[in-house]
Amino acid sequence: MSEFNRLSGELARALVYGGGEYTLEDIRAEIEQGTMQFWPGQHSVVVMEILQRPRTKVLYFFLAAGDMDEVKRLYHVILEWGRAQGCTRASFAGRYGWGRTFLTREEGWTSQLALYEKELANG
């Protein structure tokens, strides 16, 4: 987990946009349990999940942060890994800015849904 520690600043910056649903320790625990996969680069990081749905296996890009060129290189390796795991679809939820990256310009990603959220107060 030394790579996790080295890239924890990048992870923390990305988690700011996650609505407080995960902490760095939550992510570490998921990686250690094998429910998330950690892909470190020199100046970037990608965290993945494989989601088994009733009719498909989805490669879910949970978190990506750091140098975009390096994320792009990791992305291609991760897609091949996902195919080898039996994934037939890839997905992610993210800030609108991701819609202006290589994913839509070069890789053919399209927005399928909008995610709407509401905080629920106790009581």
C-alpha atoms as a PDB file:
ATOM      1  CA  MET A   1       0.000   0.000   0.000  1.00  0.00           C
ATOM      2  CA  SER A   2       3.003   2.318  -0.312  1.00  0.00           C
ATOM      3  CA  GLU A   3       1.688   3.432  -3.715  1.00  0.00           C
ATOM      4  CA  PHE A   4      -1.653   4.215  -2.095  1.00  0.00           C
ATOM      5  CA  ASN A   5       0.113   6.366   0.485  1.00  0.00           C
ATOM      6  CA  ARG A   6       2.180   8.100  -2.193  1.00  0.00           C
ATOM      7  CA  LEU A   7      -0.947   8.981  -4.204  1.00  0.00           C
ATOM      8  CA  SER A   8      -3.221   9.732  -1.244  1.00  0.00           C
ATOM      9  CA  GLY A   9      -3.138  13.471  -2.018  1.00  0.00           C
ATOM     10  CA  GLU A  10      -4.546  12.848  -5.509  1.00  0.00           C
ATOM     11  CA  LEU A  11      -7.158  10.501  -4.060  1.00  0.00           C
ATOM     12  CA  ALA A  12      -8.170  13.025  -1.406  1.00  0.00           C
ATOM     13  CA  ARG A  13      -8.582  15.781  -4.020  1.00  0.00           C
ATOM     14  CA  ALA A  14     -10.898  13.556  -6.067  1.00  0.00           C
ATOM     15  CA  LEU A  15     -12.908  12.457  -3.032  1.00  0.00           C
ATOM     16  CA  VAL A  16     -13.870  16.074  -2.345  1.00  0.00           C
ATOM     17  CA  TYR A  17     -16.347  15.727  -5.225  1.00  0.00           C
ATOM     18  CA  GLY A  18     -17.833  12.484  -3.895  1.00  0.00           C
ATOM     19  CA  GLY A  19     -20.243  14.006  -1.426  1.00  0.00           C
ATOM     20  CA  GLY A  20     -18.500  12.573   1.611  1.00  0.00           C
ATOM     21  CA  GLU A  21     -19.591   9.016   0.850  1.00  0.00           C
ATOM     22  CA  TYR A  22     -16.041   7.609   1.101  1.00  0.00           C
ATOM     23  CA  THR A  23     -12.903   8.476   3.024  1.00  0.00           C
ATOM     24  CA  LEU A  24      -9.353   7.522   2.111  1.00  0.00           C
ATOM     25  CA  GLU A  25      -9.552   4.759   4.716  1.00  0.00           C
ATOM     26  CA  ASP A  26     -12.764   3.443   3.164  1.00  0.00           C
ATOM     27  CA  ILE A  27     -11.042   3.255  -0.215  1.00  0.00           C
ATOM     28  CA  ARG A  28      -7.980   1.583   1.305  1.00  0.00           C
ATOM     29  CA  ALA A  29     -10.182  -1.033   2.991  1.00  0.00           C
ATOM     30  CA  GLU A  30     -12.059  -1.760  -0.258  1.00  0.00           C
ATOM     31  CA  ILE A  31      -8.774  -2.207  -2.124  1.00  0.00           C
ATOM     32  CA  GLU A  32      -7.359  -4.467   0.584  1.00  0.00           C
ATOM     33  CA  GLN A  33     -10.556  -6.562   0.525  1.00  0.00           C
ATOM     34  CA  GLY A  34     -10.342  -6.831  -3.256  1.00  0.00           C
ATOM     35  CA  THR A  35     -13.693  -5.165  -3.936  1.00  0.00           C
ATOM     36  CA  MET A  36     -11.942  -2.218  -5.609  1.00  0.00           C
ATOM     37  CA  GLN A  37      -8.882  -2.280  -7.822  1.00  0.00           C
ATOM     38  CA  PHE A  38      -6.074   0.264  -7.518  1.00  0.00           C
ATOM     39  CA  TRP A  39      -4.204   1.409 -10.620  1.00  0.00           C
ATOM     40  CA  PRO A  40      -1.317   3.731  -9.733  1.00  0.00           C
ATOM     41  CA  GLY A  41       0.645   5.832 -12.156  1.00  0.00           C
ATOM     42  CA  GLN A  42       3.611   8.064 -11.534  1.00  0.00           C
ATOM     43  CA  HIS A  43       1.441  11.185 -11.116  1.00  0.00           C
ATOM     44  CA  SER A  44      -2.090   9.817 -11.239  1.00  0.00           C
ATOM     45  CA  VAL A  45      -4.366   7.097  -9.955  1.00  0.00           C
ATOM     46  CA  VAL A  46      -7.496   5.221 -11.022  1.00  0.00           C
ATOM     47  CA  VAL A  47      -9.705   3.165  -8.703  1.00  0.00           C
ATOM     48  CA  MET A  48     -12.089   0.634 -10.222  1.00  0.00           C
ATOM     49  CA  GLU A  49     -14.913  -1.675  -9.240  1.00  0.00           C
ATOM     50  CA  ILE A  50     -16.426  -4.573 -11.115  1.00  0.00           C
ATOM     51  CA  LEU A  51     -20.191  -4.469 -10.709  1.00  0.00           C
ATOM     52  CA  GLN A  52     -22.036  -7.707 -11.347  1.00  0.00           C
ATOM     53  CA  ARG A  53     -25.530  -6.914 -12.533  1.00  0.00           C
ATOM     54  CA  PRO A  54     -28.183  -9.494 -13.426  1.00  0.00           C
ATOM     55  CA  ARG A  55     -27.482  -9.332 -17.156  1.00  0.00           C
ATOM     56  CA  THR A  56     -24.047  -7.769 -17.487  1.00  0.00           C
ATOM     57  CA  LYS A  57     -20.715  -7.275 -15.795  1.00  0.00           C
ATOM     58  CA  VAL A  58     -19.705  -3.596 -15.624  1.00  0.00           C
ATOM     59  CA  LEU A  59     -16.228  -2.118 -15.297  1.00  0.00           C
ATOM     60  CA  TYR A  60     -16.960   0.906 -13.132  1.00  0.00           C
ATOM     61  CA  PHE A  61     -14.438   3.730 -13.013  1.00  0.00           C
ATOM     62  CA  PHE A  62     -14.926   4.776  -9.403  1.00  0.00           C
ATOM     63  CA  LEU A  63     -12.246   7.453  -9.141  1.00  0.00           C
ATOM     64  CA  ALA A  64      -9.567   8.979 -11.355  1.00  0.00           C
ATOM     65  CA  ALA A  65      -7.206  11.808 -10.487  1.00  0.00           C
ATOM     66  CA  GLY A  66      -3.903  13.335 -11.439  1.00  0.00           C
ATOM     67  CA  ASP A  67      -2.170  13.845 -14.772  1.00  0.00           C
ATOM     68  CA  MET A  68      -4.776  13.410 -17.542  1.00  0.00           C
ATOM     69  CA  ASP A  69      -2.293  12.046 -20.102  1.00  0.00           C
ATOM     70  CA  GLU A  70      -1.272   9.366 -17.648  1.00  0.00           C
ATOM     71  CA  VAL A  71      -4.908   8.628 -16.747  1.00  0.00           C
ATOM     72  CA  LYS A  72      -5.507   8.127 -20.465  1.00  0.00           C
ATOM     73  CA  ARG A  73      -2.683   5.582 -20.684  1.00  0.00           C
ATOM     74  CA  LEU A  74      -3.984   3.748 -17.605  1.00  0.00           C
ATOM     75  CA  TYR A  75      -7.499   3.835 -19.045  1.00  0.00           C
ATOM     76  CA  HIS A  76      -6.528   1.716 -22.052  1.00  0.00           C
ATOM     77  CA  VAL A  77      -4.778  -0.881 -19.901  1.00  0.00           C
ATOM     78  CA  ILE A  78      -7.743  -0.982 -17.523  1.00  0.00           C
ATOM     79  CA  LEU A  79     -10.237  -1.517 -20.367  1.00  0.00           C
ATOM     80  CA  GLU A  80      -8.264  -4.523 -21.576  1.00  0.00           C
ATOM     81  CA  TRP A  81      -8.101  -5.873 -18.026  1.00  0.00           C
ATOM     82  CA  GLY A  82     -11.876  -5.397 -17.673  1.00  0.00           C
ATOM     83  CA  ARG A  83     -12.535  -7.307 -20.887  1.00  0.00           C
ATOM     84  CA  ALA A  84     -10.341 -10.131 -19.582  1.00  0.00           C
ATOM     85  CA  GLN A  85     -12.479 -10.165 -16.418  1.00  0.00           C
ATOM     86  CA  GLY A  86     -15.622 -10.652 -18.513  1.00  0.00           C
ATOM     87  CA  CYS A  87     -16.895  -7.067 -18.391  1.00  0.00           C
ATOM     88  CA  THR A  88     -19.057  -6.128 -21.359  1.00  0.00           C
ATOM     89  CA  ARG A  89     -19.713  -2.508 -20.390  1.00  0.00           C
ATOM     90  CA  ALA A  90     -17.795   0.321 -18.721  1.00  0.00           C
ATOM     91  CA  SER A  91     -19.311   3.240 -16.824  1.00  0.00           C
ATOM     92  CA  PHE A  92     -18.554   6.098 -14.472  1.00  0.00           C
ATOM     93  CA  ALA A  93     -20.283   8.970 -12.720  1.00  0.00           C
ATOM     94  CA  GLY A  94     -18.383  12.209 -12.491  1.00  0.00           C
ATOM     95  CA  ARG A  95     -18.293  15.956 -12.701  1.00  0.00           C
ATOM     96  CA  TYR A  96     -19.497  17.550 -15.927  1.00  0.00           C
ATOM     97  CA  GLY A  97     -15.889  18.384 -16.793  1.00  0.00           C
ATOM     98  CA  TRP A  98     -15.213  14.733 -17.600  1.00  0.00           C
ATOM     99  CA  GLY A  99     -17.521  15.226 -20.594  1.00  0.00           C
ATOM    100  CA  ARG A 100     -14.887  17.489 -22.144  1.00  0.00           C
ATOM    101  CA  THR A 101     -11.987  15.045 -21.872  1.00  0.00           C
ATOM    102  CA  PHE A 102     -10.517  12.388 -24.144  1.00  0.00           C
ATOM    103  CA  LEU A 103     -13.347  10.088 -23.069  1.00  0.00           C
ATOM    104  CA  THR A 104     -15.938  11.884 -25.182  1.00  0.00           C
ATOM    105  CA  ARG A 105     -13.651  13.468 -27.776  1.00  0.00           C
ATOM    106  CA  GLU A 106     -11.686  10.320 -28.646  1.00  0.00           C
ATOM    107  CA  GLU A 107     -13.133   7.273 -26.937  1.00  0.00           C
ATOM    108  CA  GLY A 108     -16.842   7.477 -27.761  1.00  0.00           C
ATOM    109  CA  TRP A 109     -18.281   7.775 -24.261  1.00  0.00           C
ATOM    110  CA  THR A 110     -21.766   9.296 -24.101  1.00  0.00           C
ATOM    111  CA  SER A 111     -23.897  10.463 -21.218  1.00  0.00           C
ATOM    112  CA  GLN A 112     -26.746   8.023 -20.670  1.00  0.00           C
ATOM    113  CA  LEU A 113     -28.315   9.416 -17.512  1.00  0.00           C
ATOM    114  CA  ALA A 114     -28.197  12.396 -15.214  1.00  0.00           C
ATOM    115  CA  LEU A 115     -27.617  11.733 -11.529  1.00  0.00           C
ATOM    116  CA  TYR A 116     -29.847  13.717  -9.194  1.00  0.00           C
ATOM    117  CA  GLU A 117     -29.327  13.766  -5.449  1.00  0.00           C
ATOM    118  CA  LYS A 118     -31.004  15.185  -2.379  1.00  0.00           C
ATOM    119  CA  GLU A 119     -29.764  15.238   1.183  1.00  0.00           C
ATOM    120  CA  LEU A 120     -32.247  13.649   3.583  1.00  0.00           C
ATOM    121  CA  ALA A 121     -32.424  15.187   7.031  1.00  0.00           C
ATOM    122  CA  ASN A 122     -33.109  13.026  10.050  1.00  0.00           C
ATOM    123  CA  GLY A 123     -36.688  13.212  11.189  1.00  0.00           C
END
